[in-house]
Protein backbone atom coordinates (compact mmCIF):
# COMPACT_ATOMS: atom_id res chain seq x y z
CA UNK A 1 8.73 -55.30 -156.80
CA UNK A 2 4.82 -53.88 -156.94
CA UNK A 3 4.77 -50.07 -159.04
CA UNK A 4 1.95 -47.90 -157.87
CA UNK A 5 0.36 -46.53 -160.75
CA UNK A 6 -2.37 -43.53 -159.10
CA UNK A 7 -5.22 -42.90 -161.88
CA UNK A 8 -7.13 -39.29 -161.26
CA UNK A 9 -10.34 -38.70 -162.24
CA UNK A 10 -12.56 -35.69 -161.50
CA UNK A 11 -15.53 -36.19 -164.00
CA UNK A 12 -17.73 -38.90 -165.56
CA UNK A 13 -16.67 -38.51 -168.87
CA UNK A 14 -13.09 -38.65 -168.05
CA UNK A 15 -13.98 -42.33 -165.73
CA UNK A 16 -15.71 -43.37 -168.85
CA UNK A 17 -12.06 -43.54 -171.04
CA UNK A 18 -10.00 -44.40 -168.38
CA UNK A 19 -11.96 -47.17 -167.14
CA UNK A 20 -10.70 -49.71 -169.27
CA UNK A 21 -7.16 -48.51 -168.58
CA UNK A 22 -7.68 -48.77 -164.77
CA UNK A 23 -9.37 -52.41 -165.20
CA UNK A 24 -5.89 -53.39 -167.12
CA UNK A 25 -3.64 -52.07 -164.08
CA UNK A 26 -6.03 -53.46 -161.64
CA UNK A 27 -5.47 -57.05 -163.14
CA UNK A 28 -1.92 -56.72 -163.97
CA UNK A 29 0.81 -58.81 -161.82
CA UNK A 30 2.84 -56.37 -160.53
CA UNK A 31 1.32 -53.09 -160.81
CA UNK A 32 -1.38 -51.68 -158.10
CA UNK A 33 -4.15 -49.72 -158.90
CA UNK A 34 -4.64 -46.08 -156.49
CA UNK A 35 -7.59 -44.39 -157.66
CA UNK A 36 -8.17 -41.02 -156.82
CA UNK A 37 -11.74 -39.41 -157.34
CA UNK A 38 -12.64 -35.43 -156.96
CA UNK A 39 -14.16 -32.79 -158.74
CA UNK A 40 -17.80 -33.62 -160.15
CA UNK A 41 -17.85 -37.19 -159.32
CA UNK A 42 -18.29 -36.21 -155.40
CA UNK A 43 -21.25 -33.43 -156.26
CA UNK A 44 -25.34 -34.66 -155.57
CA UNK A 45 -25.51 -31.90 -158.58
CA UNK A 46 -23.45 -33.83 -161.24
CA UNK A 47 -24.81 -36.90 -159.42
CA UNK A 48 -22.49 -38.49 -157.17
CA UNK A 49 -20.80 -40.31 -159.81
CA UNK A 50 -18.19 -41.95 -157.44
CA UNK A 51 -20.75 -44.67 -156.76
CA UNK A 52 -20.46 -45.60 -159.94
CA UNK A 53 -16.83 -46.06 -159.62
CA UNK A 54 -16.90 -48.44 -156.98
CA UNK A 55 -20.05 -50.64 -158.10
CA UNK A 56 -17.66 -50.91 -161.15
CA UNK A 57 -15.23 -52.79 -158.54
CA UNK A 58 -12.76 -50.31 -158.11
CA UNK A 59 -11.27 -49.62 -154.41
CA UNK A 60 -11.56 -45.60 -154.32
CA UNK A 61 -8.30 -44.87 -152.13
CA UNK A 62 -8.51 -41.04 -151.42
CA UNK A 63 -11.64 -39.07 -152.29
CA UNK A 64 -11.02 -34.98 -152.64
CA UNK A 65 -13.18 -32.96 -152.16
CA UNK A 66 -12.93 -29.91 -153.81
CA UNK A 67 -16.23 -27.73 -155.71
CA UNK A 68 -17.60 -25.54 -153.86
CA UNK A 69 -21.20 -23.87 -155.11
CA UNK A 70 -19.91 -21.32 -157.38
CA UNK A 71 -18.79 -21.92 -161.26
CA UNK A 72 -17.57 -17.91 -161.60
CA UNK A 73 -13.75 -17.98 -162.03
CA UNK A 74 -13.39 -17.25 -158.53
CA UNK A 75 -15.18 -20.31 -157.41
CA UNK A 76 -13.21 -22.68 -159.98
CA UNK A 77 -9.88 -21.25 -158.58
CA UNK A 78 -10.90 -21.72 -155.27
CA UNK A 79 -11.11 -25.14 -156.17
CA UNK A 80 -7.91 -25.71 -157.34
CA UNK A 81 -6.66 -24.52 -154.05
CA UNK A 82 -8.53 -27.17 -152.02
CA UNK A 83 -7.52 -30.03 -154.52
CA UNK A 84 -3.79 -29.17 -154.46
CA UNK A 85 -4.03 -29.28 -151.01
CA UNK A 86 -6.40 -33.00 -151.07
CA UNK A 87 -3.65 -34.08 -153.56
CA UNK A 88 -0.34 -33.42 -151.42
CA UNK A 89 -2.04 -35.01 -148.65
CA UNK A 90 -3.07 -38.42 -150.60
CA UNK A 91 0.04 -38.61 -152.13
CA UNK A 92 1.86 -38.59 -149.01
CA UNK A 93 -0.66 -40.92 -147.45
CA UNK A 94 -0.29 -43.59 -150.47
CA UNK A 95 3.29 -42.81 -152.16
CA UNK A 96 2.31 -43.12 -155.40
CA UNK A 97 5.28 -44.31 -157.90
CA UNK A 98 3.67 -43.06 -160.88
CA UNK A 99 0.73 -40.88 -161.51
CA UNK A 100 -1.47 -40.86 -164.59
CA UNK A 101 -3.86 -37.88 -165.88
CA UNK A 102 -6.19 -37.01 -168.84
CA UNK A 103 -6.75 -34.18 -170.95
CA UNK A 104 -6.58 -30.35 -169.84
CA UNK A 105 -8.87 -30.11 -166.94
CA UNK A 106 -8.63 -28.17 -163.59
CA UNK A 107 -8.66 -31.05 -161.57
CA UNK A 108 -5.41 -32.40 -163.59
CA UNK A 109 -3.82 -29.11 -163.63
CA UNK A 110 -4.34 -29.40 -159.52
CA UNK A 111 -2.95 -32.79 -159.51
CA UNK A 112 -0.58 -32.39 -161.67
CA UNK A 113 0.99 -29.53 -159.56
CA UNK A 114 1.28 -31.10 -156.61
CA UNK A 115 2.68 -34.52 -158.03
CA UNK A 116 5.20 -31.95 -159.42
CA UNK A 117 6.44 -30.58 -156.40
CA UNK A 118 6.44 -34.37 -154.20
CA UNK A 119 8.53 -35.02 -157.35
CA UNK A 120 6.46 -37.92 -158.03
CA UNK A 121 6.59 -39.35 -161.83
CA UNK A 122 3.59 -38.17 -164.21
CA UNK A 123 1.78 -40.33 -167.44
CA UNK A 124 -0.26 -38.01 -169.34
CA UNK A 125 -2.95 -39.13 -171.96
CA UNK A 126 -3.99 -36.37 -174.76
CA UNK A 127 -1.16 -34.31 -174.75
CA UNK A 128 -0.78 -32.00 -177.47
CA UNK A 129 -4.18 -31.36 -178.67
CA UNK A 130 -5.46 -27.12 -179.24
CA UNK A 131 -8.63 -26.49 -177.88
CA UNK A 132 -8.83 -22.68 -178.60
CA UNK A 133 -11.78 -21.42 -177.66
CA UNK A 134 -11.43 -22.50 -173.30
CA UNK A 135 -8.42 -21.95 -170.72
CA UNK A 136 -7.85 -25.69 -171.04
CA UNK A 137 -5.69 -25.16 -174.07
CA UNK A 138 -3.10 -23.68 -171.56
CA UNK A 139 -3.73 -26.04 -168.61
CA UNK A 140 -2.84 -28.83 -171.25
CA UNK A 141 0.73 -27.54 -172.41
CA UNK A 142 1.34 -27.04 -169.13
CA UNK A 143 0.36 -30.24 -167.91
CA UNK A 144 2.61 -31.86 -170.58
CA UNK A 145 5.54 -29.67 -169.29
CA UNK A 146 5.29 -31.05 -165.72
CA UNK A 147 4.65 -35.16 -167.36
CA UNK A 148 7.47 -37.50 -167.76
CA UNK A 149 5.47 -39.64 -170.34
CA UNK A 150 3.45 -38.78 -172.91
CA UNK A 151 0.59 -40.98 -174.94
CA UNK A 152 -1.12 -38.55 -177.79
CA UNK A 153 -3.66 -39.74 -180.11
CA UNK A 154 -2.43 -39.00 -183.39
CA UNK A 155 1.02 -38.31 -184.46
CA UNK A 156 0.62 -34.94 -185.49
CA UNK A 157 0.21 -34.63 -181.31
CA UNK A 158 2.97 -36.40 -180.84
CA UNK A 159 4.99 -33.60 -182.94
CA UNK A 160 3.32 -31.09 -181.16
CA UNK A 161 4.28 -32.85 -177.75
CA UNK A 162 7.77 -32.78 -178.97
CA UNK A 163 7.51 -29.42 -179.95
CA UNK A 164 7.00 -28.34 -175.97
CA UNK A 165 10.64 -29.57 -175.32
CA UNK A 166 9.70 -33.36 -174.46
CA UNK A 167 11.80 -36.21 -175.48
CA UNK A 168 10.78 -38.31 -178.38
CA UNK A 169 11.79 -41.43 -176.17
CA UNK A 170 8.91 -40.87 -173.62
CA UNK A 171 6.45 -39.74 -176.14
CA UNK A 172 4.09 -42.35 -177.59
CA UNK A 173 1.57 -42.22 -180.37
CA UNK A 174 -1.52 -44.26 -179.19
CA UNK A 175 -4.66 -43.11 -180.53
CA UNK A 176 -7.84 -41.89 -178.80
CA UNK A 177 -8.52 -44.23 -175.87
CA UNK A 178 -12.36 -43.47 -176.09
CA UNK A 179 -12.19 -45.71 -179.23
CA UNK A 180 -11.40 -49.14 -176.80
CA UNK A 181 -14.88 -49.15 -175.24
CA UNK A 182 -16.37 -48.68 -178.42
CA UNK A 183 -14.95 -51.90 -179.97
CA UNK A 184 -15.38 -53.52 -176.75
CA UNK A 185 -18.69 -53.41 -174.86
CA UNK A 186 -21.81 -54.33 -175.53
CA UNK A 187 -23.84 -51.44 -176.58
CA UNK A 188 -27.50 -51.49 -176.19
CA UNK A 189 -29.83 -52.19 -178.47
CA UNK A 190 -32.47 -49.78 -179.66
CA UNK A 191 -35.21 -50.84 -177.12
CA UNK A 192 -32.85 -51.28 -174.07
CA UNK A 193 -31.28 -47.50 -174.63
CA UNK A 194 -34.94 -46.16 -175.10
CA UNK A 195 -35.54 -47.85 -171.63
CA UNK A 196 -32.73 -46.81 -170.23
CA UNK A 197 -33.14 -43.13 -170.90
CA UNK A 198 -36.91 -43.87 -170.21
CA UNK A 199 -37.86 -41.77 -173.48
CA UNK A 200 -38.81 -42.45 -177.25
CA UNK A 201 -36.74 -42.14 -180.22
CA UNK A 202 -38.02 -40.36 -183.59
CA UNK A 203 -37.75 -40.23 -186.97
CA UNK A 204 -34.55 -38.20 -186.06
CA UNK A 205 -32.91 -37.84 -183.26
CA UNK A 206 -30.01 -35.75 -181.90
CA UNK A 207 -27.58 -35.97 -178.94
CA UNK A 208 -26.52 -32.39 -177.45
CA UNK A 209 -23.17 -31.87 -175.15
CA UNK A 210 -22.75 -28.43 -174.55
CA UNK A 211 -20.25 -27.05 -172.18
CA UNK A 212 -19.07 -23.64 -171.54
CA UNK A 213 -16.89 -21.45 -173.41
CA UNK A 214 -14.50 -19.83 -171.35
CA UNK A 215 -12.42 -17.54 -173.66
CA UNK A 216 -14.92 -16.62 -176.42
CA UNK A 217 -16.57 -13.23 -176.55
CA UNK A 218 -20.17 -14.58 -176.36
CA UNK A 219 -21.32 -15.52 -173.15
CA UNK A 220 -21.95 -19.55 -172.54
CA UNK A 221 -26.24 -17.96 -171.63
CA UNK A 222 -26.17 -16.10 -175.27
CA UNK A 223 -24.47 -19.56 -177.01
CA UNK A 224 -26.99 -21.95 -174.95
CA UNK A 225 -29.41 -19.66 -176.22
CA UNK A 226 -29.10 -19.91 -180.45
CA UNK A 227 -28.41 -23.58 -179.67
CA UNK A 228 -31.93 -24.40 -178.26
CA UNK A 229 -33.35 -21.53 -180.70
CA UNK A 230 -32.20 -23.73 -183.95
CA UNK A 231 -33.17 -26.75 -182.02
CA UNK A 232 -36.86 -25.26 -181.82
CA UNK A 233 -37.01 -24.43 -185.58
CA UNK A 234 -36.11 -27.75 -186.39
CA UNK A 235 -39.36 -30.34 -187.41
CA UNK A 236 -39.63 -34.20 -186.11
CA UNK A 237 -36.88 -34.51 -184.63
CA UNK A 238 -36.24 -35.79 -180.75
CA UNK A 239 -32.94 -34.45 -178.75
CA UNK A 240 -31.56 -35.95 -175.52
CA UNK A 241 -29.70 -33.07 -173.90
CA UNK A 242 -26.35 -34.33 -171.70
CA UNK A 243 -25.42 -32.16 -168.81
CA UNK A 244 -22.35 -29.05 -168.95
CA UNK A 245 -19.54 -29.55 -167.11
CA UNK A 246 -18.33 -27.55 -163.88
CA UNK A 247 -15.97 -24.81 -165.48
CA UNK A 248 -17.24 -21.16 -165.97
CA UNK A 249 -21.07 -20.66 -166.33
CA UNK A 250 -22.07 -24.39 -166.22
CA UNK A 251 -24.60 -23.95 -164.06
CA UNK A 252 -26.44 -21.72 -166.41
CA UNK A 253 -26.37 -23.71 -168.83
CA UNK A 254 -27.40 -26.64 -167.19
CA UNK A 255 -30.39 -24.48 -165.78
CA UNK A 256 -31.34 -23.20 -169.56
CA UNK A 257 -31.16 -26.85 -170.89
CA UNK A 258 -33.33 -28.82 -168.12
CA UNK A 259 -36.05 -25.83 -168.56
CA UNK A 260 -36.31 -26.32 -172.40
CA UNK A 261 -36.52 -30.39 -171.77
CA UNK A 262 -39.60 -29.20 -169.27
CA UNK A 263 -41.49 -26.72 -172.14
CA UNK A 264 -40.89 -29.34 -174.16
CA UNK A 265 -41.23 -33.09 -173.02
CA UNK A 266 -42.58 -34.86 -175.97
CA UNK A 267 -39.66 -34.82 -178.21
CA UNK A 268 -36.84 -33.50 -175.56
CA UNK A 269 -34.96 -35.75 -172.56
CA UNK A 270 -32.38 -34.16 -170.20
CA UNK A 271 -30.03 -35.92 -168.50
CA UNK A 272 -27.15 -34.61 -166.17
CA UNK A 273 -24.32 -37.71 -166.86
CA UNK A 274 -25.85 -40.71 -168.93
CA UNK A 275 -22.19 -42.39 -168.57
CA UNK A 276 -20.28 -44.33 -170.72
CA UNK A 277 -22.61 -47.15 -171.82
CA UNK A 278 -25.82 -44.88 -173.04
CA UNK A 279 -23.93 -42.66 -173.99
CA UNK A 280 -22.51 -44.82 -176.56
CA UNK A 281 -25.09 -46.44 -177.32
CA UNK A 282 -27.02 -42.97 -177.71
CA UNK A 283 -23.59 -42.52 -180.82
CA UNK A 284 -25.52 -46.02 -182.18
CA UNK A 285 -28.90 -44.35 -182.08
CA UNK A 286 -28.62 -40.50 -182.73
CA UNK A 287 -27.83 -38.87 -186.40
CA UNK A 288 -25.64 -36.56 -185.05
CA UNK A 289 -23.39 -35.00 -181.80
CA UNK A 290 -24.65 -31.46 -181.74
CA UNK A 291 -22.79 -28.79 -178.93
CA UNK A 292 -18.54 -28.41 -178.70
CA UNK A 293 -17.86 -30.90 -176.77
CA UNK A 294 -14.47 -33.12 -178.09
CA UNK A 295 -16.50 -36.36 -178.18
CA UNK A 296 -18.23 -35.34 -181.24
CA UNK A 297 -14.42 -35.02 -183.01
CA UNK A 298 -12.67 -38.36 -181.10
CA UNK A 299 -15.87 -40.97 -180.40
CA UNK A 300 -18.55 -39.82 -182.87
CA UNK A 301 -16.73 -40.56 -186.00
CA UNK A 302 -16.26 -44.16 -185.36
CA UNK A 303 -20.13 -44.54 -185.55
CA UNK A 304 -20.05 -42.85 -188.86
CA UNK A 305 -22.44 -40.29 -187.86
CA UNK A 306 -22.03 -36.31 -188.41
CA UNK A 307 -20.83 -33.85 -185.57
CA UNK A 308 -22.07 -29.90 -185.88
CA UNK A 309 -19.02 -28.64 -183.44
CA UNK A 310 -20.28 -25.16 -182.88
CA UNK A 311 -18.13 -22.07 -182.00
CA UNK A 312 -14.26 -22.76 -180.81
CA UNK A 313 -14.04 -24.50 -177.89
CA UNK A 314 -13.05 -27.22 -180.14
CA UNK A 315 -10.67 -25.34 -182.77
CA UNK A 316 -7.56 -26.46 -183.25
CA UNK A 317 -8.17 -30.46 -182.89
CA UNK A 318 -7.86 -32.68 -185.64
CA UNK A 319 -11.47 -33.51 -187.19
CA UNK A 320 -12.62 -35.98 -189.50
CA UNK A 321 -14.77 -35.59 -192.71
CA UNK A 322 -17.87 -36.24 -189.85
CA UNK A 323 -17.60 -32.90 -188.61
CA UNK A 324 -19.93 -29.70 -189.62
CA UNK A 325 -18.44 -26.20 -187.94
CA UNK A 326 -20.39 -23.90 -187.50
CA UNK A 327 -20.53 -20.57 -185.58
CA UNK A 328 -22.42 -19.96 -182.41
CA UNK A 329 -25.62 -18.21 -184.59
CA UNK A 330 -29.31 -19.56 -184.75
CA UNK A 331 -28.73 -19.68 -188.33
CA UNK A 332 -26.08 -21.42 -189.53
CA UNK A 333 -26.65 -23.73 -186.35
CA UNK A 334 -29.65 -24.95 -187.96
CA UNK A 335 -28.47 -25.47 -191.37
CA UNK A 336 -25.51 -27.03 -190.21
CA UNK A 337 -27.83 -29.71 -188.75
CA UNK A 338 -30.32 -29.96 -191.92
CA UNK A 339 -26.90 -30.42 -193.67
CA UNK A 340 -26.45 -33.78 -191.85
CA UNK A 341 -29.77 -35.30 -193.90
CA UNK A 342 -28.30 -34.76 -197.06
CA UNK A 343 -27.83 -37.76 -199.75
CA UNK A 344 -24.10 -36.27 -200.49
CA UNK A 345 -23.05 -35.98 -196.62
CA UNK A 346 -25.01 -39.16 -195.97
CA UNK A 347 -22.34 -40.67 -198.15
CA UNK A 348 -19.97 -39.32 -197.18
CA UNK A 349 -20.09 -40.24 -193.45
CA UNK A 350 -20.81 -44.12 -194.73
CA UNK A 351 -16.94 -43.54 -196.31
CA UNK A 352 -15.08 -41.61 -193.30
CA UNK A 353 -12.79 -42.71 -190.93
CA UNK A 354 -11.47 -41.80 -187.71
CA UNK A 355 -8.55 -39.93 -187.35
CA UNK A 356 -7.98 -40.90 -183.94
CA UNK A 357 -7.63 -44.94 -185.07
CA UNK A 358 -9.24 -48.02 -184.16
CA UNK A 359 -8.60 -48.96 -180.81
CA UNK A 360 -6.02 -51.13 -178.71
CA UNK A 361 -4.77 -47.58 -176.80
CA UNK A 362 -5.21 -48.91 -173.23
CA UNK A 363 -2.85 -52.11 -173.92
CA UNK A 364 -0.96 -50.10 -175.21
CA UNK A 365 -0.67 -47.63 -172.44
CA UNK A 366 -0.56 -50.32 -170.13
CA UNK A 367 2.05 -51.70 -171.52
CA UNK A 368 5.04 -48.35 -170.77
CA UNK A 369 3.30 -48.37 -167.30
CA UNK A 370 4.19 -51.62 -166.69
CA UNK A 371 8.14 -51.62 -168.45
CA UNK A 372 9.54 -48.34 -168.52
CA UNK A 373 12.10 -47.38 -165.89
CA UNK A 374 11.41 -44.58 -163.49
CA UNK A 375 14.92 -44.88 -162.89
CA UNK A 376 16.01 -40.76 -163.57
CA UNK A 377 12.80 -40.66 -164.99
CA UNK A 378 12.27 -37.32 -162.97
CA UNK A 379 15.84 -35.66 -164.91
CA UNK A 380 14.08 -34.02 -167.78
CA UNK A 381 16.43 -31.94 -169.67
CA UNK A 382 14.33 -29.55 -172.74
CA UNK A 383 15.06 -31.19 -176.15
CA UNK A 384 15.71 -29.50 -178.82
CA UNK A 385 15.44 -30.49 -181.85
């Protein structure tokens, strides 16, 4: 009997992490992939990235429109309401045997909430992590409690999922799935990458990925301005900016970044979304990732480059020795960026290991999705150690 595996994706970055697993599900006998697309994928403002999913050869089984032209707290909550309605209708039509979600975003929370009511088993990737500067922290752990199979990125995160009451027999440490693409994809060389982003790299280069800080006292605009001011102090440095996601105040950040690039076109470029190939290729050619994205902690260490992690958005996550933490203040950001070029830190980068593993994650997950019995899986008593 064919097992129908539904995979939810709401952002281009999330899709980049899931695409390898989706391809394996699609090409495995006895499994049928169902692709549910929502969020930023369906927004012209964020590049209509559902088209990339189709170009990659995936059939989209459901497009669930949820984004309003607002990134306020009210707008995000209303989007979640629309998402629950859309996912409920999709589940009724598609009748998946198992739902796969990744991370902690509000789109995934809505998808899992509707699946729980519909009695659909849920497999969750990247549970047990903490992001103390964002409300995603609470959503991640709530998703864990509604899920039935758990695929964590480190053993410490596995222990935390078990601490939340999940049975050890259902919690698997498989590493970070984003490392798979680093190992498997043919990335762009410098010349091809420059052509792909229509921008010439300099002697020193930074990739800036900055997202809203939903639980910090400073506003997103204040923190973003501090980052831009620090970048303005740098000499001989080229900067690639990527867009913020569709969280509260994301549009404010994107407007500020876009305006800054327009004022500094010779040394800066702006892309709403680089996509997985260009993003990972960028990590090959820049000196550091600057901002507050999880990619700086999970994927960047595999390239032996630095990460300047600003503020508390990623606070609580396991970090390798490639990460420099700093407060969202101009002088601290500037000092952190300057530090990455010191010979002692450069030597440290060469020796550093990625604490999130060496790849092969999608294969491990696939084996469990294929073989784990779904009989009585919905019966999930609280596990007390």
